[in-house]
Amino acid sequence: MAQRSTPYPLAFRQQILELAKLGSTPKELSAEFGPCAETIKYWIAQEARDMGKPLPGKGGLTTAEQAELSALRRENRRLKMERDILAKATAWFAGKGEKIFTPSSN
């Protein structure tokens, strides 16, 4: 899964989170600044996870874990593609009756 892009800059999200910490509700922030209340609730829950204090009922991966998972999935796709290419090359060479490698004589 590719990392999600957001139309909201990081500084804007941080400002919204600061206002939420000061007592503004997601609904109030949504009305004043634009992002829907659910998006703001997600930002609040994600920040709590990143701080090691997940909100009750709001489990999930931290931002760092999401980035690592994304990188591992990308690497896994690349390795599968390489494996498939090698399998096709092996089959092609086997069909031609040629040796792929010569074992050492030691």
C-alpha atoms as a PDB file:
ATOM      1  CA  MET A   1       0.000   0.000   0.000  1.00  0.00           C
ATOM      2  CA  ALA A   2       1.387   3.374  -0.944  1.00  0.00           C
ATOM      3  CA  GLN A   3       1.698   5.969   1.679  1.00  0.00           C
ATOM      4  CA  ARG A   4      -1.373   8.182   1.750  1.00  0.00           C
ATOM      5  CA  SER A   5      -0.920  11.743   0.683  1.00  0.00           C
ATOM      6  CA  THR A   6      -2.874  14.483   2.340  1.00  0.00           C
ATOM      7  CA  PRO A   7      -3.972  17.872   1.096  1.00  0.00           C
ATOM      8  CA  TYR A   8      -3.103  19.316   4.516  1.00  0.00           C
ATOM      9  CA  PRO A   9       0.490  20.322   5.256  1.00  0.00           C
ATOM     10  CA  LEU A  10       2.156  18.941   8.374  1.00  0.00           C
ATOM     11  CA  ALA A  11       2.328  22.386  10.017  1.00  0.00           C
ATOM     12  CA  PHE A  12      -1.441  22.799   9.535  1.00  0.00           C
ATOM     13  CA  ARG A  13      -2.166  19.385  11.068  1.00  0.00           C
ATOM     14  CA  GLN A  14       0.082  20.192  14.031  1.00  0.00           C
ATOM     15  CA  GLN A  15      -1.724  23.483  14.559  1.00  0.00           C
ATOM     16  CA  ILE A  16      -5.083  21.689  14.546  1.00  0.00           C
ATOM     17  CA  LEU A  17      -3.737  19.157  17.066  1.00  0.00           C
ATOM     18  CA  GLU A  18      -2.544  21.974  19.345  1.00  0.00           C
ATOM     19  CA  LEU A  19      -5.992  23.580  19.232  1.00  0.00           C
ATOM     20  CA  ALA A  20      -7.564  20.200  20.044  1.00  0.00           C
ATOM     21  CA  LYS A  21      -5.252  19.879  23.055  1.00  0.00           C
ATOM     22  CA  LEU A  22      -6.430  23.313  24.196  1.00  0.00           C
ATOM     23  CA  GLY A  23     -10.010  22.045  24.248  1.00  0.00           C
ATOM     24  CA  SER A  24     -11.494  22.639  20.818  1.00  0.00           C
ATOM     25  CA  THR A  25     -13.601  19.734  19.579  1.00  0.00           C
ATOM     26  CA  PRO A  26     -13.041  18.122  16.184  1.00  0.00           C
ATOM     27  CA  LYS A  27     -16.469  19.406  15.129  1.00  0.00           C
ATOM     28  CA  GLU A  28     -15.547  23.003  16.037  1.00  0.00           C
ATOM     29  CA  LEU A  29     -12.173  22.726  14.316  1.00  0.00           C
ATOM     30  CA  SER A  30     -13.833  21.253  11.243  1.00  0.00           C
ATOM     31  CA  ALA A  31     -16.282  24.129  11.000  1.00  0.00           C
ATOM     32  CA  GLU A  32     -13.535  26.730  11.380  1.00  0.00           C
ATOM     33  CA  PHE A  33     -10.665  25.216   9.351  1.00  0.00           C
ATOM     34  CA  GLY A  34     -12.154  22.807   6.809  1.00  0.00           C
ATOM     35  CA  PRO A  35     -10.983  19.234   7.421  1.00  0.00           C
ATOM     36  CA  CYS A  36     -13.885  16.963   8.320  1.00  0.00           C
ATOM     37  CA  ALA A  37     -14.261  16.065  12.000  1.00  0.00           C
ATOM     38  CA  GLU A  38     -13.435  12.401  11.281  1.00  0.00           C
ATOM     39  CA  THR A  39     -10.109  13.430   9.749  1.00  0.00           C
ATOM     40  CA  ILE A  40      -9.265  15.492  12.811  1.00  0.00           C
ATOM     41  CA  LYS A  41     -10.249  12.575  15.085  1.00  0.00           C
ATOM     42  CA  TYR A  42      -7.907  10.365  13.041  1.00  0.00           C
ATOM     43  CA  TRP A  43      -5.051  12.873  13.462  1.00  0.00           C
ATOM     44  CA  ILE A  44      -5.659  12.968  17.224  1.00  0.00           C
ATOM     45  CA  ALA A  45      -5.680   9.152  17.476  1.00  0.00           C
ATOM     46  CA  GLN A  46      -2.563   8.852  15.285  1.00  0.00           C
ATOM     47  CA  GLU A  47      -0.666  11.361  17.408  1.00  0.00           C
ATOM     48  CA  ALA A  48      -1.641   9.440  20.552  1.00  0.00           C
ATOM     49  CA  ARG A  49      -0.316   6.198  18.999  1.00  0.00           C
ATOM     50  CA  ASP A  50       2.912   7.930  17.973  1.00  0.00           C
ATOM     51  CA  MET A  51       3.339   9.196  21.547  1.00  0.00           C
ATOM     52  CA  GLY A  52       2.892   5.648  22.895  1.00  0.00           C
ATOM     53  CA  LYS A  53      -0.484   6.434  24.437  1.00  0.00           C
ATOM     54  CA  PRO A  54      -3.121   5.003  22.104  1.00  0.00           C
ATOM     55  CA  LEU A  55      -6.692   6.086  22.756  1.00  0.00           C
ATOM     56  CA  PRO A  56      -9.059   3.370  24.012  1.00  0.00           C
ATOM     57  CA  GLY A  57     -10.511   1.497  21.053  1.00  0.00           C
ATOM     58  CA  LYS A  58      -8.185   3.277  18.619  1.00  0.00           C
ATOM     59  CA  GLY A  59      -5.492   0.670  18.066  1.00  0.00           C
ATOM     60  CA  GLY A  60      -3.301   0.658  15.027  1.00  0.00           C
ATOM     61  CA  LEU A  61       0.212   1.276  13.819  1.00  0.00           C
ATOM     62  CA  THR A  62       2.365   4.254  14.657  1.00  0.00           C
ATOM     63  CA  THR A  63       3.519   6.465  11.811  1.00  0.00           C
ATOM     64  CA  ALA A  64       6.974   4.851  11.961  1.00  0.00           C
ATOM     65  CA  GLU A  65       5.444   1.359  11.865  1.00  0.00           C
ATOM     66  CA  GLN A  66       3.283   2.336   8.875  1.00  0.00           C
ATOM     67  CA  ALA A  67       6.376   3.599   7.035  1.00  0.00           C
ATOM     68  CA  GLU A  68       8.282   0.400   7.842  1.00  0.00           C
ATOM     69  CA  LEU A  69       5.376  -1.773   6.715  1.00  0.00           C
ATOM     70  CA  SER A  70       5.144   0.164   3.457  1.00  0.00           C
ATOM     71  CA  ALA A  71       8.890  -0.239   2.830  1.00  0.00           C
ATOM     72  CA  LEU A  72       8.732  -3.973   3.587  1.00  0.00           C
ATOM     73  CA  ARG A  73       5.786  -4.432   1.221  1.00  0.00           C
ATOM     74  CA  ARG A  74       7.695  -2.587  -1.533  1.00  0.00           C
ATOM     75  CA  GLU A  75      10.748  -4.788  -0.959  1.00  0.00           C
ATOM     76  CA  ASN A  76       8.571  -7.911  -0.963  1.00  0.00           C
ATOM     77  CA  ARG A  77       7.056  -6.930  -4.346  1.00  0.00           C
ATOM     78  CA  ARG A  78      10.540  -6.317  -5.761  1.00  0.00           C
ATOM     79  CA  LEU A  79      11.843  -9.660  -4.494  1.00  0.00           C
ATOM     80  CA  LYS A  80       8.832 -11.511  -5.929  1.00  0.00           C
ATOM     81  CA  MET A  81       9.392  -9.839  -9.289  1.00  0.00           C
ATOM     82  CA  GLU A  82      13.082 -10.806  -9.233  1.00  0.00           C
ATOM     83  CA  ARG A  83      12.159 -14.386  -8.304  1.00  0.00           C
ATOM     84  CA  ASP A  84       9.677 -14.566 -11.180  1.00  0.00           C
ATOM     85  CA  ILE A  85      12.254 -13.207 -13.645  1.00  0.00           C
ATOM     86  CA  LEU A  86      14.833 -15.767 -12.474  1.00  0.00           C
ATOM     87  CA  ALA A  87      12.294 -18.591 -12.737  1.00  0.00           C
ATOM     88  CA  LYS A  88      11.463 -17.584 -16.322  1.00  0.00           C
ATOM     89  CA  ALA A  89      15.154 -17.295 -17.210  1.00  0.00           C
ATOM     90  CA  THR A  90      15.828 -20.720 -15.703  1.00  0.00           C
ATOM     91  CA  ALA A  91      12.968 -22.245 -17.682  1.00  0.00           C
ATOM     92  CA  TRP A  92      14.182 -20.550 -20.869  1.00  0.00           C
ATOM     93  CA  PHE A  93      17.745 -21.837 -20.425  1.00  0.00           C
ATOM     94  CA  ALA A  94      16.467 -25.318 -19.534  1.00  0.00           C
ATOM     95  CA  GLY A  95      14.414 -25.354 -22.725  1.00  0.00           C
ATOM     96  CA  LYS A  96      17.480 -24.460 -24.768  1.00  0.00           C
ATOM     97  CA  GLY A  97      19.445 -27.313 -23.212  1.00  0.00           C
ATOM     98  CA  GLU A  98      22.223 -25.020 -22.049  1.00  0.00           C
ATOM     99  CA  LYS A  99      23.928 -25.094 -18.695  1.00  0.00           C
ATOM    100  CA  ILE A 100      23.151 -22.127 -16.478  1.00  0.00           C
ATOM    101  CA  PHE A 101      26.307 -22.473 -14.410  1.00  0.00           C
ATOM    102  CA  THR A 102      29.319 -24.729 -14.186  1.00  0.00           C
ATOM    103  CA  PRO A 103      30.038 -26.240 -10.771  1.00  0.00           C
ATOM    104  CA  SER A 104      33.578 -25.813  -9.539  1.00  0.00           C
ATOM    105  CA  SER A 105      35.945 -28.736  -9.951  1.00  0.00           C
ATOM    106  CA  ASN A 106      37.131 -28.582  -6.331  1.00  0.00           C
END
